[in-house]
Amino acid sequence: VQLQASGGGLVQAGGSLRLSCAASGRTFSSSVMGWFRQAPGKEREFLAAISWVGDSTHYADSVKGRFTISRDNAKNTVILQMNSLKPEDTAVYYCAYKRFGTTWVATGYDYWGQGTLVTVSS
């Protein structure tokens, strides 16, 4: 599975951005797609995940209510809609894929996209 993330950029605090992650290759109905981020000098942080089939989603407390994860199965794409952005949301954002597992477990991801930079100015 290959993942291509896009949609990052520069936005002012309070603004919104929409990240996309396109998956190519063989995907499984049991799979889960997730979004993570890593800020300079910090560890990678789980943000949100969605099941490839069904309605299961899970969010980190830090983004709950501000970020929304969704998918478009016809396009093999997962979207992360980010609203009310804060300067502390500045990071490189990565999408990831795991063939098996649950949305509420933030480990076990097999494949990673290349990352897209999000910068939130104050």
PDB file of N, CA and C in Angstrom:
ATOM      1  N   VAL A   1       0.844  -1.186   0.000  1.00  0.00           N
ATOM      2  CA  VAL A   1       0.000   0.000   0.000  1.00  0.00           C
ATOM      3  C   VAL A   1       0.886   1.244   0.000  1.00  0.00           C
ATOM      4  N   GLN A   2       0.582   2.162  -0.898  1.00  0.00           N
ATOM      5  CA  GLN A   2       1.302   3.433  -0.940  1.00  0.00           C
ATOM      6  C   GLN A   2       0.342   4.536  -0.507  1.00  0.00           C
ATOM      7  N   LEU A   3       0.851   5.452   0.283  1.00  0.00           N
ATOM      8  CA  LEU A   3       0.042   6.544   0.802  1.00  0.00           C
ATOM      9  C   LEU A   3       0.617   7.876   0.358  1.00  0.00           C
ATOM     10  N   GLN A   4      -0.248   8.748  -0.094  1.00  0.00           N
ATOM     11  CA  GLN A   4       0.182  10.073  -0.545  1.00  0.00           C
ATOM     12  C   GLN A   4      -0.632  11.116   0.195  1.00  0.00           C
ATOM     13  N   ALA A   5       0.023  11.845   1.087  1.00  0.00           N
ATOM     14  CA  ALA A   5      -0.650  12.889   1.849  1.00  0.00           C
ATOM     15  C   ALA A   5      -0.491  14.233   1.164  1.00  0.00           C
ATOM     16  N   SER A   6      -1.513  15.050   1.286  1.00  0.00           N
ATOM     17  CA  SER A   6      -1.461  16.384   0.695  1.00  0.00           C
ATOM     18  C   SER A   6      -2.383  17.312   1.476  1.00  0.00           C
ATOM     19  N   GLY A   7      -2.247  18.614   1.203  1.00  0.00           N
ATOM     20  CA  GLY A   7      -3.153  19.589   1.792  1.00  0.00           C
ATOM     21  C   GLY A   7      -2.558  20.472   2.862  1.00  0.00           C
ATOM     22  N   GLY A   8      -1.309  20.226   3.224  1.00  0.00           N
ATOM     23  CA  GLY A   8      -0.692  21.065   4.229  1.00  0.00           C
ATOM     24  C   GLY A   8      -0.431  22.473   3.714  1.00  0.00           C
ATOM     25  N   GLY A   9      -0.054  23.352   4.620  1.00  0.00           N
ATOM     26  CA  GLY A   9       0.237  24.719   4.229  1.00  0.00           C
ATOM     27  C   GLY A   9       0.295  25.632   5.429  1.00  0.00           C
ATOM     28  N   LEU A  10       0.265  26.922   5.138  1.00  0.00           N
ATOM     29  CA  LEU A  10       0.327  27.949   6.167  1.00  0.00           C
ATOM     30  C   LEU A  10      -1.067  28.528   6.382  1.00  0.00           C
ATOM     31  N   VAL A  11      -1.473  28.614   7.638  1.00  0.00           N
ATOM     32  CA  VAL A  11      -2.798  29.143   7.960  1.00  0.00           C
ATOM     33  C   VAL A  11      -2.692  29.940   9.246  1.00  0.00           C
ATOM     34  N   GLN A  12      -3.546  30.928   9.390  1.00  0.00           N
ATOM     35  CA  GLN A  12      -3.571  31.708  10.624  1.00  0.00           C
ATOM     36  C   GLN A  12      -4.332  30.961  11.709  1.00  0.00           C
ATOM     37  N   ALA A  13      -4.019  31.286  12.930  1.00  0.00           N
ATOM     38  CA  ALA A  13      -4.726  30.689  14.062  1.00  0.00           C
ATOM     39  C   ALA A  13      -6.220  30.940  13.927  1.00  0.00           C
ATOM     40  N   GLY A  14      -6.987  29.910  14.221  1.00  0.00           N
ATOM     41  CA  GLY A  14      -8.429  29.984  14.058  1.00  0.00           C
ATOM     42  C   GLY A  14      -8.923  29.520  12.709  1.00  0.00           C
ATOM     43  N   GLY A  15      -8.006  29.338  11.786  1.00  0.00           N
ATOM     44  CA  GLY A  15      -8.370  28.919  10.437  1.00  0.00           C
ATOM     45  C   GLY A  15      -8.536  27.418  10.312  1.00  0.00           C
ATOM     46  N   SER A  16      -8.731  26.980   9.075  1.00  0.00           N
ATOM     47  CA  SER A  16      -8.989  25.568   8.794  1.00  0.00           C
ATOM     48  C   SER A  16      -8.094  25.076   7.665  1.00  0.00           C
ATOM     49  N   LEU A  17      -7.839  23.793   7.690  1.00  0.00           N
ATOM     50  CA  LEU A  17      -7.135  23.114   6.601  1.00  0.00           C
ATOM     51  C   LEU A  17      -7.760  21.739   6.424  1.00  0.00           C
ATOM     52  N   ARG A  18      -7.641  21.232   5.222  1.00  0.00           N
ATOM     53  CA  ARG A  18      -8.174  19.908   4.907  1.00  0.00           C
ATOM     54  C   ARG A  18      -7.048  19.070   4.331  1.00  0.00           C
ATOM     55  N   LEU A  19      -6.677  18.026   5.038  1.00  0.00           N
ATOM     56  CA  LEU A  19      -5.632  17.120   4.580  1.00  0.00           C
ATOM     57  C   LEU A  19      -6.270  15.898   3.923  1.00  0.00           C
ATOM     58  N   SER A  20      -5.614  15.436   2.878  1.00  0.00           N
ATOM     59  CA  SER A  20      -6.075  14.233   2.180  1.00  0.00           C
ATOM     60  C   SER A  20      -4.977  13.194   2.178  1.00  0.00           C
ATOM     61  N   CYS A  21      -5.378  11.946   2.182  1.00  0.00           N
ATOM     62  CA  CYS A  21      -4.438  10.843   2.075  1.00  0.00           C
ATOM     63  C   CYS A  21      -5.011   9.836   1.098  1.00  0.00           C
ATOM     64  N   ALA A  22      -4.348   9.705  -0.037  1.00  0.00           N
ATOM     65  CA  ALA A  22      -4.789   8.771  -1.056  1.00  0.00           C
ATOM     66  C   ALA A  22      -4.015   7.472  -0.920  1.00  0.00           C
ATOM     67  N   ALA A  23      -4.729   6.368  -0.861  1.00  0.00           N
ATOM     68  CA  ALA A  23      -4.117   5.051  -0.741  1.00  0.00           C
ATOM     69  C   ALA A  23      -4.191   4.330  -2.084  1.00  0.00           C
ATOM     70  N   SER A  24      -3.084   3.736  -2.475  1.00  0.00           N
ATOM     71  CA  SER A  24      -3.061   2.931  -3.695  1.00  0.00           C
ATOM     72  C   SER A  24      -2.507   1.557  -3.369  1.00  0.00           C
ATOM     73  N   GLY A  25      -2.848   0.599  -4.205  1.00  0.00           N
ATOM     74  CA  GLY A  25      -2.459  -0.767  -3.926  1.00  0.00           C
ATOM     75  C   GLY A  25      -3.623  -1.518  -3.293  1.00  0.00           C
ATOM     76  N   ARG A  26      -3.330  -2.708  -2.821  1.00  0.00           N
ATOM     77  CA  ARG A  26      -4.394  -3.531  -2.285  1.00  0.00           C
ATOM     78  C   ARG A  26      -4.743  -3.099  -0.867  1.00  0.00           C
ATOM     79  N   THR A  27      -5.987  -2.814  -0.650  1.00  0.00           N
ATOM     80  CA  THR A  27      -6.468  -2.482   0.682  1.00  0.00           C
ATOM     81  C   THR A  27      -7.409  -3.570   1.168  1.00  0.00           C
ATOM     82  N   PHE A  28      -7.566  -3.680   2.449  1.00  0.00           N
ATOM     83  CA  PHE A  28      -8.351  -4.729   3.069  1.00  0.00           C
ATOM     84  C   PHE A  28      -9.541  -4.111   3.802  1.00  0.00           C
ATOM     85  N   SER A  29     -10.645  -4.829   3.805  1.00  0.00           N
ATOM     86  CA  SER A  29     -11.834  -4.314   4.489  1.00  0.00           C
ATOM     87  C   SER A  29     -11.621  -4.231   5.987  1.00  0.00           C
ATOM     88  N   SER A  30     -10.655  -4.961   6.519  1.00  0.00           N
ATOM     89  CA  SER A  30     -10.379  -4.949   7.950  1.00  0.00           C
ATOM     90  C   SER A  30      -9.418  -3.827   8.356  1.00  0.00           C
ATOM     91  N   SER A  31      -9.009  -3.031   7.403  1.00  0.00           N
ATOM     92  CA  SER A  31      -7.942  -2.080   7.672  1.00  0.00           C
ATOM     93  C   SER A  31      -8.435  -0.806   8.354  1.00  0.00           C
ATOM     94  N   VAL A  32      -7.461  -0.063   8.835  1.00  0.00           N
ATOM     95  CA  VAL A  32      -7.698   1.195   9.541  1.00  0.00           C
ATOM     96  C   VAL A  32      -6.724   2.227   8.993  1.00  0.00           C
ATOM     97  N   MET A  33      -7.227   3.436   8.798  1.00  0.00           N
ATOM     98  CA  MET A  33      -6.373   4.558   8.385  1.00  0.00           C
ATOM     99  C   MET A  33      -6.285   5.547   9.541  1.00  0.00           C
ATOM    100  N   GLY A  34      -5.100   6.063   9.755  1.00  0.00           N
ATOM    101  CA  GLY A  34      -4.918   7.010  10.840  1.00  0.00           C
ATOM    102  C   GLY A  34      -4.133   8.236  10.419  1.00  0.00           C
ATOM    103  N   TRP A  35      -4.243   9.259  11.235  1.00  0.00           N
ATOM    104  CA  TRP A  35      -3.445  10.472  11.070  1.00  0.00           C
ATOM    105  C   TRP A  35      -2.616  10.695  12.330  1.00  0.00           C
ATOM    106  N   PHE A  36      -1.366  11.072  12.118  1.00  0.00           N
ATOM    107  CA  PHE A  36      -0.443  11.367  13.194  1.00  0.00           C
ATOM    108  C   PHE A  36       0.229  12.704  12.869  1.00  0.00           C
ATOM    109  N   ARG A  37       0.920  13.243  13.837  1.00  0.00           N
ATOM    110  CA  ARG A  37       1.730  14.427  13.571  1.00  0.00           C
ATOM    111  C   ARG A  37       2.974  14.393  14.444  1.00  0.00           C
ATOM    112  N   GLN A  38       3.972  15.121  13.982  1.00  0.00           N
ATOM    113  CA  GLN A  38       5.206  15.242  14.754  1.00  0.00           C
ATOM    114  C   GLN A  38       5.718  16.658  14.649  1.00  0.00           C
ATOM    115  N   ALA A  39       5.783  17.313  15.786  1.00  0.00           N
ATOM    116  CA  ALA A  39       6.321  18.671  15.862  1.00  0.00           C
ATOM    117  C   ALA A  39       7.816  18.592  16.144  1.00  0.00           C
ATOM    118  N   PRO A  40       8.569  19.625  15.794  1.00  0.00           N
ATOM    119  CA  PRO A  40      10.012  19.618  16.045  1.00  0.00           C
ATOM    120  C   PRO A  40      10.330  19.362  17.513  1.00  0.00           C
ATOM    121  N   GLY A  41      11.204  18.411  17.746  1.00  0.00           N
ATOM    122  CA  GLY A  41      11.622  18.106  19.102  1.00  0.00           C
ATOM    123  C   GLY A  41      10.634  17.312  19.920  1.00  0.00           C
ATOM    124  N   LYS A  42       9.552  16.889  19.294  1.00  0.00           N
ATOM    125  CA  LYS A  42       8.534  16.128  20.027  1.00  0.00           C
ATOM    126  C   LYS A  42       8.339  14.754  19.401  1.00  0.00           C
ATOM    127  N   GLU A  43       7.730  13.883  20.157  1.00  0.00           N
ATOM    128  CA  GLU A  43       7.425  12.552  19.662  1.00  0.00           C
ATOM    129  C   GLU A  43       6.205  12.597  18.739  1.00  0.00           C
ATOM    130  N   ARG A  44       6.105  11.597  17.909  1.00  0.00           N
ATOM    131  CA  ARG A  44       4.950  11.478  17.037  1.00  0.00           C
ATOM    132  C   ARG A  44       3.696  11.273  17.874  1.00  0.00           C
ATOM    133  N   GLU A  45       2.637  11.930  17.469  1.00  0.00           N
ATOM    134  CA  GLU A  45       1.393  11.938  18.241  1.00  0.00           C
ATOM    135  C   GLU A  45       0.245  11.410  17.387  1.00  0.00           C
ATOM    136  N   PHE A  46      -0.503  10.483  17.933  1.00  0.00           N
ATOM    137  CA  PHE A  46      -1.704   9.996  17.267  1.00  0.00           C
ATOM    138  C   PHE A  46      -2.781  11.079  17.310  1.00  0.00           C
ATOM    139  N   LEU A  47      -3.525  11.234  16.206  1.00  0.00           N
ATOM    140  CA  LEU A  47      -4.579  12.218  16.136  1.00  0.00           C
ATOM    141  C   LEU A  47      -5.965  11.601  15.966  1.00  0.00           C
ATOM    142  N   ALA A  48      -6.104  10.770  14.961  1.00  0.00           N
ATOM    143  CA  ALA A  48      -7.426  10.235  14.641  1.00  0.00           C
ATOM    144  C   ALA A  48      -7.277   8.999  13.775  1.00  0.00           C
ATOM    145  N   ALA A  49      -8.296   8.156  13.803  1.00  0.00           N
ATOM    146  CA  ALA A  49      -8.307   6.956  12.974  1.00  0.00           C
ATOM    147  C   ALA A  49      -9.729   6.636  12.548  1.00  0.00           C
ATOM    148  N   ILE A  50      -9.831   5.936  11.425  1.00  0.00           N
ATOM    149  CA  ILE A  50     -11.131   5.541  10.898  1.00  0.00           C
ATOM    150  C   ILE A  50     -11.026   4.161  10.283  1.00  0.00           C
ATOM    151  N   SER A  51     -12.052   3.375  10.467  1.00  0.00           N
ATOM    152  CA  SER A  51     -12.067   2.050   9.860  1.00  0.00           C
ATOM    153  C   SER A  51     -12.355   2.172   8.367  1.00  0.00           C
ATOM    154  N   TRP A  52     -11.826   1.237   7.608  1.00  0.00           N
ATOM    155  CA  TRP A  52     -12.028   1.278   6.164  1.00  0.00           C
ATOM    156  C   TRP A  52     -13.466   0.918   5.796  1.00  0.00           C
ATOM    157  N   VAL A  53     -14.076   0.106   6.634  1.00  0.00           N
ATOM    158  CA  VAL A  53     -15.475  -0.274   6.465  1.00  0.00           C
ATOM    159  C   VAL A  53     -16.192  -0.018   7.780  1.00  0.00           C
ATOM    160  N   GLY A  54     -17.405   0.484   7.722  1.00  0.00           N
ATOM    161  CA  GLY A  54     -18.127   0.768   8.951  1.00  0.00           C
ATOM    162  C   GLY A  54     -17.935   2.191   9.420  1.00  0.00           C
ATOM    163  N   ASP A  55     -18.345   2.459  10.653  1.00  0.00           N
ATOM    164  CA  ASP A  55     -18.385   3.824  11.157  1.00  0.00           C
ATOM    165  C   ASP A  55     -17.470   4.076  12.335  1.00  0.00           C
ATOM    166  N   SER A  56     -16.489   3.241  12.519  1.00  0.00           N
ATOM    167  CA  SER A  56     -15.647   3.404  13.692  1.00  0.00           C
ATOM    168  C   SER A  56     -14.626   4.509  13.492  1.00  0.00           C
ATOM    169  N   THR A  57     -14.625   5.476  14.404  1.00  0.00           N
ATOM    170  CA  THR A  57     -13.613   6.521  14.431  1.00  0.00           C
ATOM    171  C   THR A  57     -13.123   6.690  15.862  1.00  0.00           C
ATOM    172  N   HIS A  58     -11.939   7.270  15.978  1.00  0.00           N
ATOM    173  CA  HIS A  58     -11.370   7.523  17.305  1.00  0.00           C
ATOM    174  C   HIS A  58     -10.468   8.740  17.210  1.00  0.00           C
ATOM    175  N   TYR A  59     -10.527   9.580  18.232  1.00  0.00           N
ATOM    176  CA  TYR A  59      -9.756  10.816  18.230  1.00  0.00           C
ATOM    177  C   TYR A  59      -8.937  10.955  19.509  1.00  0.00           C
ATOM    178  N   ALA A  60      -7.799  11.599  19.361  1.00  0.00           N
ATOM    179  CA  ALA A  60      -7.041  12.001  20.535  1.00  0.00           C
ATOM    180  C   ALA A  60      -7.769  13.165  21.211  1.00  0.00           C
ATOM    181  N   ASP A  61      -7.626  13.250  22.512  1.00  0.00           N
ATOM    182  CA  ASP A  61      -8.295  14.320  23.256  1.00  0.00           C
ATOM    183  C   ASP A  61      -7.857  15.706  22.776  1.00  0.00           C
ATOM    184  N   SER A  62      -6.625  15.797  22.317  1.00  0.00           N
ATOM    185  CA  SER A  62      -6.073  17.096  21.916  1.00  0.00           C
ATOM    186  C   SER A  62      -6.761  17.673  20.688  1.00  0.00           C
ATOM    187  N   VAL A  63      -7.441  16.836  19.903  1.00  0.00           N
ATOM    188  CA  VAL A  63      -8.068  17.331  18.677  1.00  0.00           C
ATOM    189  C   VAL A  63      -9.564  17.059  18.629  1.00  0.00           C
ATOM    190  N   LYS A  64     -10.077  16.379  19.610  1.00  0.00           N
ATOM    191  CA  LYS A  64     -11.500  16.050  19.621  1.00  0.00           C
ATOM    192  C   LYS A  64     -12.333  17.323  19.604  1.00  0.00           C
ATOM    193  N   GLY A  65     -13.308  17.369  18.712  1.00  0.00           N
ATOM    194  CA  GLY A  65     -14.153  18.546  18.573  1.00  0.00           C
ATOM    195  C   GLY A  65     -13.632  19.568  17.579  1.00  0.00           C
ATOM    196  N   ARG A  66     -12.363  19.468  17.202  1.00  0.00           N
ATOM    197  CA  ARG A  66     -11.783  20.393  16.226  1.00  0.00           C
ATOM    198  C   ARG A  66     -11.460  19.698  14.908  1.00  0.00           C
ATOM    199  N   PHE A  67     -11.028  18.451  14.986  1.00  0.00           N
ATOM    200  CA  PHE A  67     -10.644  17.697  13.797  1.00  0.00           C
ATOM    201  C   PHE A  67     -11.693  16.625  13.521  1.00  0.00           C
ATOM    202  N   THR A  68     -11.918  16.371  12.248  1.00  0.00           N
ATOM    203  CA  THR A  68     -12.851  15.326  11.833  1.00  0.00           C
ATOM    204  C   THR A  68     -12.205  14.460  10.773  1.00  0.00           C
ATOM    205  N   ILE A  69     -12.242  13.153  10.986  1.00  0.00           N
ATOM    206  CA  ILE A  69     -11.704  12.223  10.010  1.00  0.00           C
ATOM    207  C   ILE A  69     -12.866  11.594   9.243  1.00  0.00           C
ATOM    208  N   SER A  70     -12.683  11.443   7.943  1.00  0.00           N
ATOM    209  CA  SER A  70     -13.707  10.824   7.114  1.00  0.00           C
ATOM    210  C   SER A  70     -13.015  10.095   5.967  1.00  0.00           C
ATOM    211  N   ARG A  71     -13.764   9.338   5.212  1.00  0.00           N
ATOM    212  CA  ARG A  71     -13.156   8.609   4.100  1.00  0.00           C
ATOM    213  C   ARG A  71     -14.075   8.645   2.901  1.00  0.00           C
ATOM    214  N   ASP A  72     -13.453   8.454   1.762  1.00  0.00           N
ATOM    215  CA  ASP A  72     -14.153   8.308   0.489  1.00  0.00           C
ATOM    216  C   ASP A  72     -13.653   7.012  -0.122  1.00  0.00           C
ATOM    217  N   ASN A  73     -14.399   5.941   0.086  1.00  0.00           N
ATOM    218  CA  ASN A  73     -13.933   4.627  -0.371  1.00  0.00           C
ATOM    219  C   ASN A  73     -13.807   4.557  -1.892  1.00  0.00           C
ATOM    220  N   ALA A  74     -14.657   5.273  -2.590  1.00  0.00           N
ATOM    221  CA  ALA A  74     -14.598   5.241  -4.056  1.00  0.00           C
ATOM    222  C   ALA A  74     -13.265   5.791  -4.562  1.00  0.00           C
ATOM    223  N   LYS A  75     -12.697   6.725  -3.799  1.00  0.00           N
ATOM    224  CA  LYS A  75     -11.423   7.328  -4.183  1.00  0.00           C
ATOM    225  C   LYS A  75     -10.262   6.798  -3.361  1.00  0.00           C
ATOM    226  N   ASN A  76     -10.523   5.834  -2.481  1.00  0.00           N
ATOM    227  CA  ASN A  76      -9.478   5.303  -1.588  1.00  0.00           C
ATOM    228  C   ASN A  76      -8.756   6.437  -0.863  1.00  0.00           C
ATOM    229  N   THR A  77      -9.530   7.366  -0.355  1.00  0.00           N
ATOM    230  CA  THR A  77      -8.971   8.560   0.262  1.00  0.00           C
ATOM    231  C   THR A  77      -9.551   8.781   1.652  1.00  0.00           C
ATOM    232  N   VAL A  78      -8.689   9.204   2.557  1.00  0.00           N
ATOM    233  CA  VAL A  78      -9.109   9.587   3.899  1.00  0.00           C
ATOM    234  C   VAL A  78      -8.817  11.072   4.089  1.00  0.00           C
ATOM    235  N   ILE A  79      -9.754  11.757   4.681  1.00  0.00           N
ATOM    236  CA  ILE A  79      -9.672  13.205   4.859  1.00  0.00           C
ATOM    237  C   ILE A  79      -9.546  13.536   6.335  1.00  0.00           C
ATOM    238  N   LEU A  80      -8.727  14.526   6.648  1.00  0.00           N
ATOM    239  CA  LEU A  80      -8.686  15.082   7.997  1.00  0.00           C
ATOM    240  C   LEU A  80      -9.033  16.564   7.884  1.00  0.00           C
ATOM    241  N   GLN A  81     -10.227  16.897   8.310  1.00  0.00           N
ATOM    242  CA  GLN A  81     -10.663  18.282   8.332  1.00  0.00           C
ATOM    243  C   GLN A  81     -10.256  18.897   9.663  1.00  0.00           C
ATOM    244  N   MET A  82      -9.469  19.951   9.594  1.00  0.00           N
ATOM    245  CA  MET A  82      -8.934  20.567  10.806  1.00  0.00           C
ATOM    246  C   MET A  82      -9.478  21.987  10.926  1.00  0.00           C
ATOM    247  N   ASN A  83     -10.205  22.236  11.991  1.00  0.00           N
ATOM    248  CA  ASN A  83     -10.791  23.552  12.244  1.00  0.00           C
ATOM    249  C   ASN A  83     -10.226  24.149  13.528  1.00  0.00           C
ATOM    250  N   SER A  84     -10.427  25.434  13.691  1.00  0.00           N
ATOM    251  CA  SER A  84      -9.977  26.138  14.901  1.00  0.00           C
ATOM    252  C   SER A  84      -8.520  25.840  15.205  1.00  0.00           C
ATOM    253  N   LEU A  85      -7.695  25.953  14.191  1.00  0.00           N
ATOM    254  CA  LEU A  85      -6.281  25.602  14.341  1.00  0.00           C
ATOM    255  C   LEU A  85      -5.562  26.554  15.283  1.00  0.00           C
ATOM    256  N   LYS A  86      -4.598  25.989  15.996  1.00  0.00           N
ATOM    257  CA  LYS A  86      -3.810  26.735  16.971  1.00  0.00           C
ATOM    258  C   LYS A  86      -2.341  26.659  16.578  1.00  0.00           C
ATOM    259  N   PRO A  87      -1.540  27.604  17.042  1.00  0.00           N
ATOM    260  CA  PRO A  87      -0.103  27.520  16.729  1.00  0.00           C
ATOM    261  C   PRO A  87       0.521  26.201  17.182  1.00  0.00           C
ATOM    262  N   GLU A  88       0.024  25.632  18.249  1.00  0.00           N
ATOM    263  CA  GLU A  88       0.577  24.351  18.720  1.00  0.00           C
ATOM    264  C   GLU A  88       0.201  23.175  17.828  1.00  0.00           C
ATOM    265  N   ASP A  89      -0.640  23.392  16.839  1.00  0.00           N
ATOM    266  CA  ASP A  89      -0.937  22.352  15.853  1.00  0.00           C
ATOM    267  C   ASP A  89       0.124  22.290  14.755  1.00  0.00           C
ATOM    268  N   THR A  90       1.061  23.201  14.780  1.00  0.00           N
ATOM    269  CA  THR A  90       2.128  23.207  13.784  1.00  0.00           C
ATOM    270  C   THR A  90       2.959  21.935  13.894  1.00  0.00           C
ATOM    271  N   ALA A  91       3.066  21.210  12.789  1.00  0.00           N
ATOM    272  CA  ALA A  91       3.770  19.921  12.782  1.00  0.00           C
ATOM    273  C   ALA A  91       3.766  19.375  11.361  1.00  0.00           C
ATOM    274  N   VAL A  92       4.509  18.300  11.177  1.00  0.00           N
ATOM    275  CA  VAL A  92       4.385  17.499   9.962  1.00  0.00           C
ATOM    276  C   VAL A  92       3.317  16.445  10.238  1.00  0.00           C
ATOM    277  N   TYR A  93       2.357  16.356   9.356  1.00  0.00           N
ATOM    278  CA  TYR A  93       1.232  15.444   9.517  1.00  0.00           C
ATOM    279  C   TYR A  93       1.419  14.243   8.601  1.00  0.00           C
ATOM    280  N   TYR A  94       1.209  13.059   9.161  1.00  0.00           N
ATOM    281  CA  TYR A  94       1.392  11.810   8.435  1.00  0.00           C
ATOM    282  C   TYR A  94       0.099  11.001   8.444  1.00  0.00           C
ATOM    283  N   CYS A  95      -0.198  10.384   7.320  1.00  0.00           N
ATOM    284  CA  CYS A  95      -1.256   9.388   7.321  1.00  0.00           C
ATOM    285  C   CYS A  95      -0.608   8.011   7.380  1.00  0.00           C
ATOM    286  N   ALA A  96      -1.349   7.067   7.895  1.00  0.00           N
ATOM    287  CA  ALA A  96      -0.821   5.724   8.077  1.00  0.00           C
ATOM    288  C   ALA A  96      -1.939   4.708   7.895  1.00  0.00           C
ATOM    289  N   TYR A  97      -1.517   3.476   7.636  1.00  0.00           N
ATOM    290  CA  TYR A  97      -2.473   2.415   7.306  1.00  0.00           C
ATOM    291  C   TYR A  97      -2.053   1.142   8.018  1.00  0.00           C
ATOM    292  N   LYS A  98      -3.053   0.442   8.581  1.00  0.00           N
ATOM    293  CA  LYS A  98      -2.770  -0.888   9.109  1.00  0.00           C
ATOM    294  C   LYS A  98      -3.818  -1.858   8.587  1.00  0.00           C
ATOM    295  N   ARG A  99      -3.355  -3.041   8.234  1.00  0.00           N
ATOM    296  CA  ARG A  99      -4.239  -4.009   7.586  1.00  0.00           C
ATOM    297  C   ARG A  99      -5.271  -4.581   8.548  1.00  0.00           C
ATOM    298  N   PHE A 100      -4.888  -4.674   9.801  1.00  0.00           N
ATOM    299  CA  PHE A 100      -5.787  -5.251  10.798  1.00  0.00           C
ATOM    300  C   PHE A 100      -5.710  -4.402  12.064  1.00  0.00           C
ATOM    301  N   GLY A 101      -6.772  -4.411  12.820  1.00  0.00           N
ATOM    302  CA  GLY A 101      -6.733  -3.716  14.090  1.00  0.00           C
ATOM    303  C   GLY A 101      -7.944  -2.854  14.308  1.00  0.00           C
ATOM    304  N   THR A 102      -7.868  -2.052  15.343  1.00  0.00           N
ATOM    305  CA  THR A 102      -8.995  -1.211  15.724  1.00  0.00           C
ATOM    306  C   THR A 102      -8.583   0.255  15.696  1.00  0.00           C
ATOM    307  N   THR A 103      -9.571   1.114  15.633  1.00  0.00           N
ATOM    308  CA  THR A 103      -9.282   2.543  15.550  1.00  0.00           C
ATOM    309  C   THR A 103      -8.756   3.087  16.876  1.00  0.00           C
ATOM    310  N   TRP A 104      -9.121   2.459  18.005  1.00  0.00           N
ATOM    311  CA  TRP A 104      -8.748   3.041  19.292  1.00  0.00           C
ATOM    312  C   TRP A 104      -7.374   2.591  19.785  1.00  0.00           C
ATOM    313  N   VAL A 105      -6.703   1.759  19.011  1.00  0.00           N
ATOM    314  CA  VAL A 105      -5.324   1.375  19.340  1.00  0.00           C
ATOM    315  C   VAL A 105      -4.399   2.115  18.383  1.00  0.00           C
ATOM    316  N   ALA A 106      -3.523   2.941  18.930  1.00  0.00           N
ATOM    317  CA  ALA A 106      -2.712   3.835  18.092  1.00  0.00           C
ATOM    318  C   ALA A 106      -1.411   3.223  17.617  1.00  0.00           C
ATOM    319  N   THR A 107      -1.316   1.912  17.677  1.00  0.00           N
ATOM    320  CA  THR A 107      -0.120   1.235  17.211  1.00  0.00           C
ATOM    321  C   THR A 107      -0.479   0.222  16.131  1.00  0.00           C
ATOM    322  N   GLY A 108       0.556  -0.389  15.533  1.00  0.00           N
ATOM    323  CA  GLY A 108       0.325  -1.445  14.563  1.00  0.00           C
ATOM    324  C   GLY A 108       0.204  -0.973  13.131  1.00  0.00           C
ATOM    325  N   TYR A 109       0.534   0.274  12.869  1.00  0.00           N
ATOM    326  CA  TYR A 109       0.418   0.790  11.510  1.00  0.00           C
ATOM    327  C   TYR A 109       1.584   0.279  10.666  1.00  0.00           C
ATOM    328  N   ASP A 110       1.226  -0.267   9.487  1.00  0.00           N
ATOM    329  CA  ASP A 110       2.218  -0.925   8.635  1.00  0.00           C
ATOM    330  C   ASP A 110       2.823   0.013   7.596  1.00  0.00           C
ATOM    331  N   TYR A 111       2.049   0.961   7.139  1.00  0.00           N
ATOM    332  CA  TYR A 111       2.473   1.806   6.029  1.00  0.00           C
ATOM    333  C   TYR A 111       2.272   3.282   6.403  1.00  0.00           C
ATOM    334  N   TRP A 112       3.184   4.115   5.916  1.00  0.00           N
ATOM    335  CA  TRP A 112       3.166   5.534   6.248  1.00  0.00           C
ATOM    336  C   TRP A 112       3.317   6.366   4.987  1.00  0.00           C
ATOM    337  N   GLY A 113       2.616   7.496   4.971  1.00  0.00           N
ATOM    338  CA  GLY A 113       2.808   8.468   3.911  1.00  0.00           C
ATOM    339  C   GLY A 113       4.035   9.323   4.186  1.00  0.00           C
ATOM    340  N   GLN A 114       4.322  10.222   3.271  1.00  0.00           N
ATOM    341  CA  GLN A 114       5.553  10.993   3.334  1.00  0.00           C
ATOM    342  C   GLN A 114       5.453  12.213   4.241  1.00  0.00           C
ATOM    343  N   GLY A 115       4.274  12.587   4.679  1.00  0.00           N
ATOM    344  CA  GLY A 115       4.118  13.734   5.556  1.00  0.00           C
ATOM    345  C   GLY A 115       3.823  15.006   4.795  1.00  0.00           C
ATOM    346  N   THR A 116       3.038  15.848   5.411  1.00  0.00           N
ATOM    347  CA  THR A 116       2.733  17.160   4.842  1.00  0.00           C
ATOM    348  C   THR A 116       2.787  18.178   5.976  1.00  0.00           C
ATOM    349  N   LEU A 117       3.452  19.297   5.716  1.00  0.00           N
ATOM    350  CA  LEU A 117       3.718  20.282   6.759  1.00  0.00           C
ATOM    351  C   LEU A 117       2.525  21.220   6.939  1.00  0.00           C
ATOM    352  N   VAL A 118       2.132  21.365   8.193  1.00  0.00           N
ATOM    353  CA  VAL A 118       1.093  22.332   8.556  1.00  0.00           C
ATOM    354  C   VAL A 118       1.724  23.362   9.491  1.00  0.00           C
ATOM    355  N   THR A 119       1.611  24.626   9.125  1.00  0.00           N
ATOM    356  CA  THR A 119       2.138  25.702   9.941  1.00  0.00           C
ATOM    357  C   THR A 119       1.006  26.650  10.297  1.00  0.00           C
ATOM    358  N   VAL A 120       0.812  26.861  11.592  1.00  0.00           N
ATOM    359  CA  VAL A 120      -0.251  27.746  12.058  1.00  0.00           C
ATOM    360  C   VAL A 120       0.398  28.971  12.691  1.00  0.00           C
ATOM    361  N   SER A 121       0.149  30.123  12.125  1.00  0.00           N
ATOM    362  CA  SER A 121       0.745  31.357  12.636  1.00  0.00           C
ATOM    363  C   SER A 121      -0.191  32.017  13.642  1.00  0.00           C
ATOM    364  N   SER A 122       0.416  32.691  14.592  1.00  0.00           N
ATOM    365  CA  SER A 122      -0.384  33.349  15.644  1.00  0.00           C
ATOM    366  C   SER A 122      -0.751  34.773  15.273  1.00  0.00           C
TER     367      SER A 122
END
